[in-house]
C-alpha atoms as a PDB file:
ATOM      1  CA  MET A   1     -27.210  27.999  -7.934  1.00  0.00           C
ATOM      2  CA  ALA A   2     -23.764  29.527  -8.390  1.00  0.00           C
ATOM      3  CA  ALA A   3     -23.143  29.393  -4.641  1.00  0.00           C
ATOM      4  CA  ILE A   4     -24.163  25.706  -4.466  1.00  0.00           C
ATOM      5  CA  LEU A   5     -21.877  24.752  -7.342  1.00  0.00           C
ATOM      6  CA  THR A   6     -19.009  26.645  -5.760  1.00  0.00           C
ATOM      7  CA  VAL A   7     -19.516  24.993  -2.369  1.00  0.00           C
ATOM      8  CA  VAL A   8     -19.722  21.515  -3.916  1.00  0.00           C
ATOM      9  CA  GLY A   9     -16.590  22.212  -5.947  1.00  0.00           C
ATOM     10  CA  VAL A  10     -14.672  23.355  -2.868  1.00  0.00           C
ATOM     11  CA  LEU A  11     -15.785  20.231  -0.958  1.00  0.00           C
ATOM     12  CA  LEU A  12     -14.584  17.938  -3.751  1.00  0.00           C
ATOM     13  CA  ILE A  13     -11.216  19.666  -3.855  1.00  0.00           C
ATOM     14  CA  ALA A  14     -10.930  19.527  -0.070  1.00  0.00           C
ATOM     15  CA  ALA A  15     -11.776  15.796  -0.070  1.00  0.00           C
ATOM     16  CA  ALA A  16      -8.993  15.125  -2.557  1.00  0.00           C
ATOM     17  CA  LEU A  17      -6.435  17.220  -0.671  1.00  0.00           C
ATOM     18  CA  VAL A  18      -7.298  15.686   2.709  1.00  0.00           C
ATOM     19  CA  ASP A  19      -6.952  12.199   1.264  1.00  0.00           C
ATOM     20  CA  VAL A  20      -3.605  13.101  -0.304  1.00  0.00           C
ATOM     21  CA  PHE A  21      -2.386  14.505   3.009  1.00  0.00           C
ATOM     22  CA  GLN A  22      -3.532  11.469   5.003  1.00  0.00           C
ATOM     23  CA  THR A  23      -2.094   9.014   2.495  1.00  0.00           C
ATOM     24  CA  LEU A  24       1.251  10.616   1.684  1.00  0.00           C
ATOM     25  CA  PHE A  25       2.221  13.033   4.420  1.00  0.00           C
ATOM     26  CA  HIS A  26       0.626  12.026   7.715  1.00  0.00           C
ATOM     27  CA  PRO A  27       3.057   9.597   9.467  1.00  0.00           C
ATOM     28  CA  ALA A  28       0.275   7.485  10.978  1.00  0.00           C
ATOM     29  CA  GLY A  29      -2.757   8.490   8.934  1.00  0.00           C
ATOM     30  CA  ARG A  30      -4.554   6.603   6.186  1.00  0.00           C
ATOM     31  CA  GLY A  31      -6.694   8.187   3.521  1.00  0.00           C
ATOM     32  CA  GLY A  32     -10.233   6.846   3.655  1.00  0.00           C
ATOM     33  CA  MET A  33     -10.867   7.239  -0.052  1.00  0.00           C
ATOM     34  CA  SER A  34      -7.540   5.729  -1.097  1.00  0.00           C
ATOM     35  CA  ASP A  35      -7.997   2.791   1.297  1.00  0.00           C
ATOM     36  CA  TRP A  36     -11.471   2.126  -0.078  1.00  0.00           C
ATOM     37  CA  THR A  37     -10.210   2.348  -3.669  1.00  0.00           C
ATOM     38  CA  ALA A  38      -7.370  -0.090  -2.978  1.00  0.00           C
ATOM     39  CA  LYS A  39      -9.675  -2.580  -1.235  1.00  0.00           C
ATOM     40  CA  ILE A  40     -12.227  -2.550  -4.027  1.00  0.00           C
ATOM     41  CA  THR A  41      -9.513  -2.963  -6.651  1.00  0.00           C
ATOM     42  CA  TRP A  42      -7.993  -5.869  -4.709  1.00  0.00           C
ATOM     43  CA  ARG A  43     -11.342  -7.634  -4.386  1.00  0.00           C
ATOM     44  CA  VAL A  44     -12.046  -7.297  -8.088  1.00  0.00           C
ATOM     45  CA  PHE A  45      -8.669  -8.752  -9.010  1.00  0.00           C
ATOM     46  CA  ARG A  46      -9.005 -11.585  -6.473  1.00  0.00           C
ATOM     47  CA  VAL A  47     -12.261 -12.618  -8.127  1.00  0.00           C
ATOM     48  CA  ALA A  48     -10.568 -12.584 -11.534  1.00  0.00           C
ATOM     49  CA  ALA A  49      -7.547 -14.442 -10.125  1.00  0.00           C
ATOM     50  CA  ALA A  50      -9.751 -17.415  -9.264  1.00  0.00           C
ATOM     51  CA  ARG A  51      -9.641 -18.175 -12.998  1.00  0.00           C
ATOM     52  CA  TYR A  52      -6.468 -16.366 -14.096  1.00  0.00           C
ATOM     53  CA  SER A  53      -4.038 -16.474 -11.162  1.00  0.00           C
ATOM     54  CA  LYS A  54      -1.336 -14.308 -12.771  1.00  0.00           C
ATOM     55  CA  ILE A  55      -3.689 -11.343 -13.010  1.00  0.00           C
ATOM     56  CA  LEU A  56      -3.347 -10.731  -9.264  1.00  0.00           C
ATOM     57  CA  THR A  57       0.099  -9.231  -9.853  1.00  0.00           C
ATOM     58  CA  TYR A  58      -1.628  -6.253 -11.523  1.00  0.00           C
ATOM     59  CA  ALA A  59      -3.815  -5.455  -8.508  1.00  0.00           C
ATOM     60  CA  GLY A  60      -1.318  -3.213  -6.710  1.00  0.00           C
ATOM     61  CA  PRO A  61      -0.237  -1.132  -9.729  1.00  0.00           C
ATOM     62  CA  THR A  62      -3.875  -0.740 -10.783  1.00  0.00           C
ATOM     63  CA  ALA A  63      -4.858   0.365  -7.262  1.00  0.00           C
ATOM     64  CA  ILE A  64      -2.133   3.039  -7.260  1.00  0.00           C
ATOM     65  CA  LEU A  65      -3.208   4.285 -10.675  1.00  0.00           C
ATOM     66  CA  ALA A  66      -6.870   4.372  -9.604  1.00  0.00           C
ATOM     67  CA  ILE A  67      -6.025   6.358  -6.460  1.00  0.00           C
ATOM     68  CA  ILE A  68      -3.947   8.939  -8.345  1.00  0.00           C
ATOM     69  CA  VAL A  69      -6.654   9.281 -11.001  1.00  0.00           C
ATOM     70  CA  SER A  70      -9.297   9.782  -8.290  1.00  0.00           C
ATOM     71  CA  TRP A  71      -7.260  12.591  -6.722  1.00  0.00           C
ATOM     72  CA  ALA A  72      -6.763  14.311 -10.064  1.00  0.00           C
ATOM     73  CA  GLY A  73     -10.375  13.704 -11.094  1.00  0.00           C
ATOM     74  CA  LEU A  74     -11.863  15.213  -7.933  1.00  0.00           C
ATOM     75  CA  THR A  75      -9.613  18.255  -8.262  1.00  0.00           C
ATOM     76  CA  TRP A  76     -10.424  18.647 -11.947  1.00  0.00           C
ATOM     77  CA  PHE A  77     -14.178  18.299 -11.474  1.00  0.00           C
ATOM     78  CA  GLY A  78     -14.210  20.461  -8.329  1.00  0.00           C
ATOM     79  CA  PHE A  79     -12.580  23.423 -10.028  1.00  0.00           C
ATOM     80  CA  ALA A  80     -14.831  22.923 -13.075  1.00  0.00           C
ATOM     81  CA  LEU A  81     -17.865  23.384 -10.809  1.00  0.00           C
ATOM     82  CA  ILE A  82     -16.346  26.595  -9.468  1.00  0.00           C
ATOM     83  CA  TYR A  83     -15.706  27.940 -12.965  1.00  0.00           C
ATOM     84  CA  LEU A  84     -19.067  26.869 -14.440  1.00  0.00           C
ATOM     85  CA  PRO A  85     -21.279  29.720 -13.124  1.00  0.00           C
ATOM     86  CA  GLN A  86     -18.540  32.257 -13.985  1.00  0.00           C
ATOM     87  CA  LEU A  87     -18.118  31.324 -17.650  1.00  0.00           C
ATOM     88  CA  GLY A  88     -20.376  34.076 -18.949  1.00  0.00           C
ATOM     89  CA  THR A  89     -18.899  37.028 -17.091  1.00  0.00           C
ATOM     90  CA  GLY A  90     -15.766  35.930 -15.252  1.00  0.00           C
ATOM     91  CA  PHE A  91     -13.538  34.957 -18.171  1.00  0.00           C
ATOM     92  CA  ASP A  92     -12.265  36.617 -21.342  1.00  0.00           C
ATOM     93  CA  PHE A  93     -12.293  34.170 -24.273  1.00  0.00           C
ATOM     94  CA  SER A  94     -11.300  36.664 -26.961  1.00  0.00           C
ATOM     95  CA  GLN A  95      -7.987  34.874 -27.537  1.00  0.00           C
ATOM     96  CA  ALA A  96      -9.528  31.394 -27.376  1.00  0.00           C
ATOM     97  CA  PRO A  97     -10.399  29.396 -30.516  1.00  0.00           C
ATOM     98  CA  GLY A  98     -13.666  30.839 -31.875  1.00  0.00           C
ATOM     99  CA  GLY A  99     -13.422  33.887 -29.667  1.00  0.00           C
ATOM    100  CA  SER A 100     -16.831  33.303 -28.048  1.00  0.00           C
ATOM    101  CA  ALA A 101     -17.752  32.683 -24.455  1.00  0.00           C
ATOM    102  CA  TYR A 102     -18.064  29.130 -23.202  1.00  0.00           C
ATOM    103  CA  LYS A 103     -21.268  28.199 -21.394  1.00  0.00           C
ATOM    104  CA  GLY A 104     -21.527  24.465 -20.623  1.00  0.00           C
ATOM    105  CA  MET A 105     -19.988  21.895 -18.268  1.00  0.00           C
ATOM    106  CA  VAL A 106     -17.753  20.509 -20.976  1.00  0.00           C
ATOM    107  CA  GLU A 107     -16.267  23.936 -21.510  1.00  0.00           C
ATOM    108  CA  ALA A 108     -15.810  24.393 -17.752  1.00  0.00           C
ATOM    109  CA  MET A 109     -13.972  21.064 -17.521  1.00  0.00           C
ATOM    110  CA  SER A 110     -11.806  22.044 -20.479  1.00  0.00           C
ATOM    111  CA  LEU A 111     -10.972  25.298 -18.692  1.00  0.00           C
ATOM    112  CA  SER A 112     -10.202  23.371 -15.505  1.00  0.00           C
ATOM    113  CA  VAL A 113      -7.948  20.762 -17.072  1.00  0.00           C
ATOM    114  CA  GLY A 114      -6.007  23.535 -18.806  1.00  0.00           C
ATOM    115  CA  ALA A 115      -5.271  25.122 -15.447  1.00  0.00           C
ATOM    116  CA  LEU A 116      -4.550  21.732 -13.801  1.00  0.00           C
ATOM    117  CA  ILE A 117      -1.814  20.866 -16.285  1.00  0.00           C
ATOM    118  CA  THR A 118      -0.712  24.517 -16.698  1.00  0.00           C
ATOM    119  CA  LEU A 119      -1.736  24.625 -20.343  1.00  0.00           C
ATOM    120  CA  SER A 120      -2.960  27.972 -21.650  1.00  0.00           C
ATOM    121  CA  GLU A 121      -5.837  27.766 -24.122  1.00  0.00           C
ATOM    122  CA  GLY A 122      -6.206  31.514 -24.682  1.00  0.00           C
ATOM    123  CA  SER A 123      -8.759  32.314 -21.948  1.00  0.00           C
ATOM    124  CA  TYR A 124      -8.122  34.760 -19.120  1.00  0.00           C
ATOM    125  CA  ALA A 125      -9.855  35.394 -15.807  1.00  0.00           C
ATOM    126  CA  LYS A 126     -11.392  38.833 -15.430  1.00  0.00           C
ATOM    127  CA  LEU A 127     -11.870  38.539 -11.663  1.00  0.00           C
ATOM    128  CA  HIS A 128      -8.914  38.426  -9.280  1.00  0.00           C
ATOM    129  CA  TRP A 129     -10.292  35.528  -7.234  1.00  0.00           C
ATOM    130  CA  LEU A 130     -10.763  33.431 -10.370  1.00  0.00           C
ATOM    131  CA  GLU A 131      -7.203  34.213 -11.389  1.00  0.00           C
ATOM    132  CA  LEU A 132      -6.044  33.085  -7.954  1.00  0.00           C
ATOM    133  CA  ALA A 133      -8.198  29.934  -8.218  1.00  0.00           C
ATOM    134  CA  ARG A 134      -6.612  28.984 -11.538  1.00  0.00           C
ATOM    135  CA  GLY A 135      -3.166  29.596 -10.066  1.00  0.00           C
ATOM    136  CA  ALA A 136      -4.043  27.429  -7.068  1.00  0.00           C
ATOM    137  CA  GLU A 137      -5.272  24.666  -9.383  1.00  0.00           C
ATOM    138  CA  ALA A 138      -1.990  24.758 -11.290  1.00  0.00           C
ATOM    139  CA  ILE A 139      -0.043  24.468  -8.025  1.00  0.00           C
ATOM    140  CA  ILE A 140      -2.224  21.566  -6.891  1.00  0.00           C
ATOM    141  CA  GLY A 141      -1.763  19.826 -10.226  1.00  0.00           C
ATOM    142  CA  PHE A 142       2.015  20.148 -10.043  1.00  0.00           C
ATOM    143  CA  GLY A 143       1.952  19.022  -6.409  1.00  0.00           C
ATOM    144  CA  LEU A 144      -0.109  15.936  -7.266  1.00  0.00           C
ATOM    145  CA  LEU A 145       2.354  14.982  -9.961  1.00  0.00           C
ATOM    146  CA  THR A 146       5.451  15.297  -7.782  1.00  0.00           C
ATOM    147  CA  ALA A 147       3.755  13.705  -4.754  1.00  0.00           C
ATOM    148  CA  SER A 148       2.599  10.737  -6.841  1.00  0.00           C
ATOM    149  CA  VAL A 149       6.105  10.153  -8.190  1.00  0.00           C
ATOM    150  CA  SER A 150       7.556  10.373  -4.674  1.00  0.00           C
ATOM    151  CA  TRP A 151       4.911   7.922  -3.449  1.00  0.00           C
ATOM    152  CA  LEU A 152       5.869   5.402  -6.119  1.00  0.00           C
ATOM    153  CA  LEU A 153       9.568   5.735  -5.278  1.00  0.00           C
ATOM    154  CA  SER A 154       8.765   5.133  -1.595  1.00  0.00           C
ATOM    155  CA  ILE A 155       6.615   2.051  -2.189  1.00  0.00           C
ATOM    156  CA  TYR A 156       8.993  -0.158  -4.136  1.00  0.00           C
ATOM    157  CA  PRO A 157      11.734  -0.339  -1.443  1.00  0.00           C
ATOM    158  CA  VAL A 158       9.048  -1.676   0.944  1.00  0.00           C
ATOM    159  CA  LEU A 159       8.106  -4.355  -1.580  1.00  0.00           C
ATOM    160  CA  GLU A 160      11.777  -5.274  -2.021  1.00  0.00           C
ATOM    161  CA  ASP A 161      12.226  -5.643   1.753  1.00  0.00           C
ATOM    162  CA  ARG A 162       9.121  -7.835   1.935  1.00  0.00           C
ATOM    163  CA  ARG A 163      10.378 -10.096  -0.813  1.00  0.00           C
ATOM    164  CA  ALA A 164      13.821 -10.346   0.788  1.00  0.00           C
ATOM    165  CA  ILE A 165      12.442 -11.391   4.182  1.00  0.00           C
ATOM    166  CA  ALA A 166      10.128 -13.944   2.603  1.00  0.00           C
ATOM    167  CA  GLN A 167      12.876 -15.459   0.473  1.00  0.00           C
ATOM    168  CA  ARG A 168      15.285 -15.692   3.411  1.00  0.00           C
ATOM    169  CA  ALA A 169      12.639 -17.498   5.441  1.00  0.00           C
ATOM    170  CA  THR A 170      11.825 -19.815   2.525  1.00  0.00           C
ATOM    171  CA  LEU A 171      15.498 -20.660   1.978  1.00  0.00           C
ATOM    172  CA  LEU A 172      16.022 -21.442   5.674  1.00  0.00           C
ATOM    173  CA  HIS A 173      12.913 -23.602   5.745  1.00  0.00           C
ATOM    174  CA  ASN A 174      13.901 -25.512   2.609  1.00  0.00           C
ATOM    175  CA  GLY A 175      17.458 -25.906   3.908  1.00  0.00           C
ATOM    176  CA  GLU A 176      16.255 -27.465   7.137  1.00  0.00           C
ATOM    177  CA  ARG A 177      13.860 -29.758   5.300  1.00  0.00           C
ATOM    178  CA  GLU A 178      16.415 -30.970   2.764  1.00  0.00           C
ATOM    179  CA  THR A 179      19.331 -31.493   5.179  1.00  0.00           C
ATOM    180  CA  ARG A 180      17.214 -32.662   8.144  1.00  0.00           C
ATOM    181  CA  LEU A 181      19.199 -30.255  10.282  1.00  0.00           C
ATOM    182  CA  ASP A 182      17.652 -28.113  12.998  1.00  0.00           C
ATOM    183  CA  LEU A 183      18.846 -24.520  12.761  1.00  0.00           C
ATOM    184  CA  VAL A 184      18.320 -23.980  16.479  1.00  0.00           C
ATOM    185  CA  ARG A 185      19.789 -27.252  17.695  1.00  0.00           C
ATOM    186  CA  ASP A 186      22.635 -27.736  15.237  1.00  0.00           C
ATOM    187  CA  ALA A 187      23.900 -24.160  14.912  1.00  0.00           C
ATOM    188  CA  PRO A 188      23.451 -22.770  18.433  1.00  0.00           C
ATOM    189  CA  GLU A 189      26.264 -20.226  18.088  1.00  0.00           C
ATOM    190  CA  GLN A 190      25.277 -18.668  14.758  1.00  0.00           C
ATOM    191  CA  SER A 191      21.495 -18.998  14.855  1.00  0.00           C
ATOM    192  CA  PRO A 192      20.808 -16.266  17.488  1.00  0.00           C
ATOM    193  CA  ASP A 193      22.252 -13.618  15.175  1.00  0.00           C
ATOM    194  CA  TRP A 194      20.294 -14.952  12.200  1.00  0.00           C
ATOM    195  CA  ILE A 195      17.047 -15.119  14.151  1.00  0.00           C
ATOM    196  CA  ILE A 196      17.448 -11.631  15.656  1.00  0.00           C
ATOM    197  CA  GLY A 197      18.206 -10.314  12.169  1.00  0.00           C
ATOM    198  CA  LEU A 198      14.957 -11.777  10.864  1.00  0.00           C
ATOM    199  CA  GLY A 199      13.057 -10.232  13.776  1.00  0.00           C
ATOM    200  CA  ALA A 200      14.602  -6.795  13.232  1.00  0.00           C
ATOM    201  CA  ASP A 201      13.863  -6.888   9.499  1.00  0.00           C
ATOM    202  CA  LEU A 202      10.267  -7.971  10.088  1.00  0.00           C
ATOM    203  CA  ALA A 203       9.767  -5.185  12.654  1.00  0.00           C
ATOM    204  CA  THR A 204      11.056  -2.665  10.107  1.00  0.00           C
ATOM    205  CA  LEU A 205       8.725  -4.067   7.466  1.00  0.00           C
ATOM    206  CA  ARG A 206       5.776  -3.855   9.868  1.00  0.00           C
ATOM    207  CA  ASN A 207       6.351  -0.127  10.324  1.00  0.00           C
ATOM    208  CA  GLN A 208       6.853   0.403   6.586  1.00  0.00           C
ATOM    209  CA  MET A 209       3.562  -1.320   5.761  1.00  0.00           C
ATOM    210  CA  ALA A 210       1.783   0.742   8.409  1.00  0.00           C
ATOM    211  CA  GLN A 211       3.121   3.864   6.673  1.00  0.00           C
ATOM    212  CA  PHE A 212       2.400   2.577   3.163  1.00  0.00           C
ATOM    213  CA  PRO A 213      -0.638   0.264   3.428  1.00  0.00           C
ATOM    214  CA  ILE A 214      -0.961   0.176  -0.366  1.00  0.00           C
ATOM    215  CA  THR A 215       1.919  -2.348  -0.363  1.00  0.00           C
ATOM    216  CA  TYR A 216      -0.425  -4.952   1.134  1.00  0.00           C
ATOM    217  CA  TYR A 217      -2.219  -5.143  -2.209  1.00  0.00           C
ATOM    218  CA  PHE A 218       0.873  -6.107  -4.219  1.00  0.00           C
ATOM    219  CA  ASP A 219       1.369  -9.716  -5.256  1.00  0.00           C
ATOM    220  CA  MET A 220       4.792 -10.722  -6.540  1.00  0.00           C
ATOM    221  CA  GLY A 221       3.603 -13.816  -8.384  1.00  0.00           C
ATOM    222  CA  GLU A 222       6.453 -15.908  -6.904  1.00  0.00           C
ATOM    223  CA  PRO A 223       5.756 -18.505  -4.172  1.00  0.00           C
ATOM    224  CA  GLU A 224       9.320 -18.269  -2.836  1.00  0.00           C
ATOM    225  CA  THR A 225       8.936 -14.527  -2.140  1.00  0.00           C
ATOM    226  CA  ALA A 226       5.408 -14.642  -0.685  1.00  0.00           C
ATOM    227  CA  LEU A 227       5.517 -13.397   2.903  1.00  0.00           C
ATOM    228  CA  ALA A 228       2.010 -14.735   3.552  1.00  0.00           C
ATOM    229  CA  ALA A 229       3.390 -18.224   2.964  1.00  0.00           C
ATOM    230  CA  ALA A 230       6.628 -17.778   4.947  1.00  0.00           C
ATOM    231  CA  LEU A 231       5.261 -16.169   8.115  1.00  0.00           C
ATOM    232  CA  SER A 232       4.217 -19.524   9.553  1.00  0.00           C
ATOM    233  CA  TYR A 233       7.835 -20.720   9.416  1.00  0.00           C
ATOM    234  CA  LEU A 234       9.069 -17.578  11.183  1.00  0.00           C
ATOM    235  CA  LEU A 235       6.539 -18.148  13.969  1.00  0.00           C
ATOM    236  CA  GLU A 236       7.564 -21.803  14.325  1.00  0.00           C
ATOM    237  CA  LEU A 237      11.262 -20.865  14.297  1.00  0.00           C
ATOM    238  CA  ALA A 238      10.653 -18.335  17.061  1.00  0.00           C
ATOM    239  CA  ASP A 239       8.833 -20.963  19.138  1.00  0.00           C
ATOM    240  CA  ARG A 240      11.711 -23.433  18.732  1.00  0.00           C
ATOM    241  CA  ALA A 241      14.355 -20.871  19.661  1.00  0.00           C
ATOM    242  CA  SER A 242      12.549 -19.615  22.773  1.00  0.00           C
ATOM    243  CA  ARG A 243      12.019 -23.021  24.362  1.00  0.00           C
ATOM    244  CA  LYS A 244      13.313 -23.661  27.847  1.00  0.00           C
ATOM    245  CA  GLY A 245      16.583 -25.547  27.842  1.00  0.00           C
ATOM    246  CA  ASN A 246      18.071 -23.537  24.988  1.00  0.00           C
ATOM    247  CA  SER A 247      20.883 -21.090  25.637  1.00  0.00           C
ATOM    248  CA  PRO A 248      19.919 -17.625  26.891  1.00  0.00           C
ATOM    249  CA  ALA A 249      21.017 -16.144  23.566  1.00  0.00           C
ATOM    250  CA  LEU A 250      18.679 -18.460  21.658  1.00  0.00           C
ATOM    251  CA  GLN A 251      15.776 -17.791  23.993  1.00  0.00           C
ATOM    252  CA  PHE A 252      16.327 -14.068  23.663  1.00  0.00           C
ATOM    253  CA  ALA A 253      16.507 -14.289  19.866  1.00  0.00           C
ATOM    254  CA  GLY A 254      13.341 -16.395  19.799  1.00  0.00           C
ATOM    255  CA  ALA A 255      11.528 -13.832  21.949  1.00  0.00           C
ATOM    256  CA  VAL A 256      12.613 -11.028  19.584  1.00  0.00           C
ATOM    257  CA  LEU A 257      11.458 -12.857  16.461  1.00  0.00           C
ATOM    258  CA  GLY A 258       8.254 -14.037  18.142  1.00  0.00           C
ATOM    259  CA  GLY A 259       7.437 -10.500  19.224  1.00  0.00           C
ATOM    260  CA  ALA A 260       8.079  -9.175  15.712  1.00  0.00           C
ATOM    261  CA  VAL A 261       5.825 -11.839  14.155  1.00  0.00           C
ATOM    262  CA  GLU A 262       3.067 -11.205  16.678  1.00  0.00           C
ATOM    263  CA  SER A 263       3.217  -7.440  16.167  1.00  0.00           C
ATOM    264  CA  PHE A 264       3.076  -7.954  12.397  1.00  0.00           C
ATOM    265  CA  LEU A 265       0.077 -10.266  12.699  1.00  0.00           C
ATOM    266  CA  VAL A 266      -1.768  -7.847  14.982  1.00  0.00           C
ATOM    267  CA  MET A 267      -1.223  -5.077  12.423  1.00  0.00           C
ATOM    268  CA  LEU A 268      -2.581  -7.327   9.672  1.00  0.00           C
ATOM    269  CA  ALA A 269      -5.637  -8.302  11.722  1.00  0.00           C
ATOM    270  CA  ASN A 270      -6.503  -4.739  12.701  1.00  0.00           C
ATOM    271  CA  ASP A 271      -5.676  -2.858   9.505  1.00  0.00           C
ATOM    272  CA  PHE A 272      -6.406  -5.278   6.681  1.00  0.00           C
ATOM    273  CA  LEU A 273      -8.186  -8.474   7.690  1.00  0.00           C
ATOM    274  CA  SER A 274     -10.849  -6.967  10.005  1.00  0.00           C
ATOM    275  CA  MET A 275     -10.602  -9.815  12.500  1.00  0.00           C
ATOM    276  CA  LYS A 276      -9.711 -10.310  16.139  1.00  0.00           C
ATOM    277  CA  ALA A 277      -6.014 -10.430  16.926  1.00  0.00           C
ATOM    278  CA  ASP A 278      -6.194 -13.088  19.636  1.00  0.00           C
ATOM    279  CA  ASP A 279      -5.375 -16.156  17.505  1.00  0.00           C
ATOM    280  CA  LYS A 280      -2.042 -15.984  15.694  1.00  0.00           C
ATOM    281  CA  HIS A 281      -2.599 -19.110  13.639  1.00  0.00           C
ATOM    282  CA  ALA A 282      -6.036 -17.951  12.518  1.00  0.00           C
ATOM    283  CA  ILE A 283      -4.483 -14.683  11.316  1.00  0.00           C
ATOM    284  CA  LEU A 284      -1.782 -16.630   9.465  1.00  0.00           C
ATOM    285  CA  ARG A 285      -4.399 -18.705   7.665  1.00  0.00           C
ATOM    286  CA  ALA A 286      -6.544 -15.666   6.876  1.00  0.00           C
ATOM    287  CA  TYR A 287      -3.556 -13.729   5.523  1.00  0.00           C
ATOM    288  CA  ALA A 288      -2.461 -16.639   3.335  1.00  0.00           C
ATOM    289  CA  SER A 289      -6.011 -17.074   2.044  1.00  0.00           C
ATOM    290  CA  GLU A 290      -6.367 -13.340   1.343  1.00  0.00           C
ATOM    291  CA  GLN A 291      -3.080 -13.325  -0.569  1.00  0.00           C
ATOM    292  CA  MET A 292      -3.994 -16.588  -2.313  1.00  0.00           C
ATOM    293  CA  SER A 293      -0.830 -18.274  -0.991  1.00  0.00           C
ATOM    294  CA  ASP A 294      -0.179 -21.711   0.470  1.00  0.00           C
ATOM    295  CA  LEU A 295       1.498 -21.880   3.877  1.00  0.00           C
ATOM    296  CA  ILE A 296       4.944 -23.442   3.479  1.00  0.00           C
ATOM    297  CA  LEU A 297       4.615 -24.929   6.954  1.00  0.00           C
ATOM    298  CA  GLN A 298       1.656 -26.921   8.230  1.00  0.00           C
ATOM    299  CA  LYS A 299       3.050 -28.580  11.365  1.00  0.00           C
ATOM    300  CA  ARG A 300       6.812 -28.680  11.846  1.00  0.00           C
ATOM    301  CA  THR A 301       9.852 -27.857   9.769  1.00  0.00           C
ATOM    302  CA  ILE A 302      11.759 -30.914  11.023  1.00  0.00           C
ATOM    303  CA  PRO A 303       9.249 -33.739  10.562  1.00  0.00           C
ATOM    304  CA  TYR A 304      11.412 -36.569  11.837  1.00  0.00           C
ATOM    305  CA  PRO A 305      14.131 -36.796  14.479  1.00  0.00           C
ATOM    306  CA  ARG A 306      17.634 -37.249  13.238  1.00  0.00           C
ATOM    307  CA  LYS A 307      18.895 -40.802  13.206  1.00  0.00           C
ATOM    308  CA  LYS A 308      21.614 -41.535  15.713  1.00  0.00           C
ATOM    309  CA  ALA A 309      24.873 -42.708  14.282  1.00  0.00           C
ATOM    310  CA  SER A 310      25.386 -46.429  14.879  1.00  0.00           C
END
């Protein structure tokens, strides 16, 4: 029985460490457990958001907290299973409150959490390998804390970049609608630089989201900074810029932005939406629906031709 408990404990610890490595350190890896936790959390909040829309903004922070707790919980419980069969003979509790040996699972978990947070409760390991195990648990606990803080600090710049791109696209779209000016037609000298800048920023964001997929599950609660709503405008702007008859600079800029949008949509389809990546507009609609956003563009940005001066 002792061997079984030890093996199960080691497997739980290994599962937590592998998921931490895949989520935080592997440049192209994704932790299976953390992905599953984030998806389940997102689905629960989307159901609740059908009645209370503002609650969706808590989905991302809750998913992060749930993932970190799952890592700590698996480590805590795994080491407790290792300590459990050794409570009678492997530890000295003479300095602990009561001075008697602990025997149950609750006591093993208390012993484990003390090691995890490097808190001494007066018990000492008699066996060298148990002493090493408690030291390893303390190192893992400290590593989880620092890694979690670093993860949080890495996530929020990605969210800020996403909001910035979405708001720039929304402002351009609203500007064209209100002034009835065509960015491509009426600013042919400046628009290539603007369009290429949007494409470069979106390509950067695509790679950041691939590295930190947890950012997909964050909702800002602001329509003007919702990328799911603004992507349709970026695709339409790219199509307008790349049309034949435009200057080579405009066509090149349109191709850059169009390629960035397509690459972003393919990543969404493959990694988050579980759908085929052969229909860009279907992916746009699915992404907007998943994020509970309304597309800011249904057909065209410029609905009517400009009136000729008489």
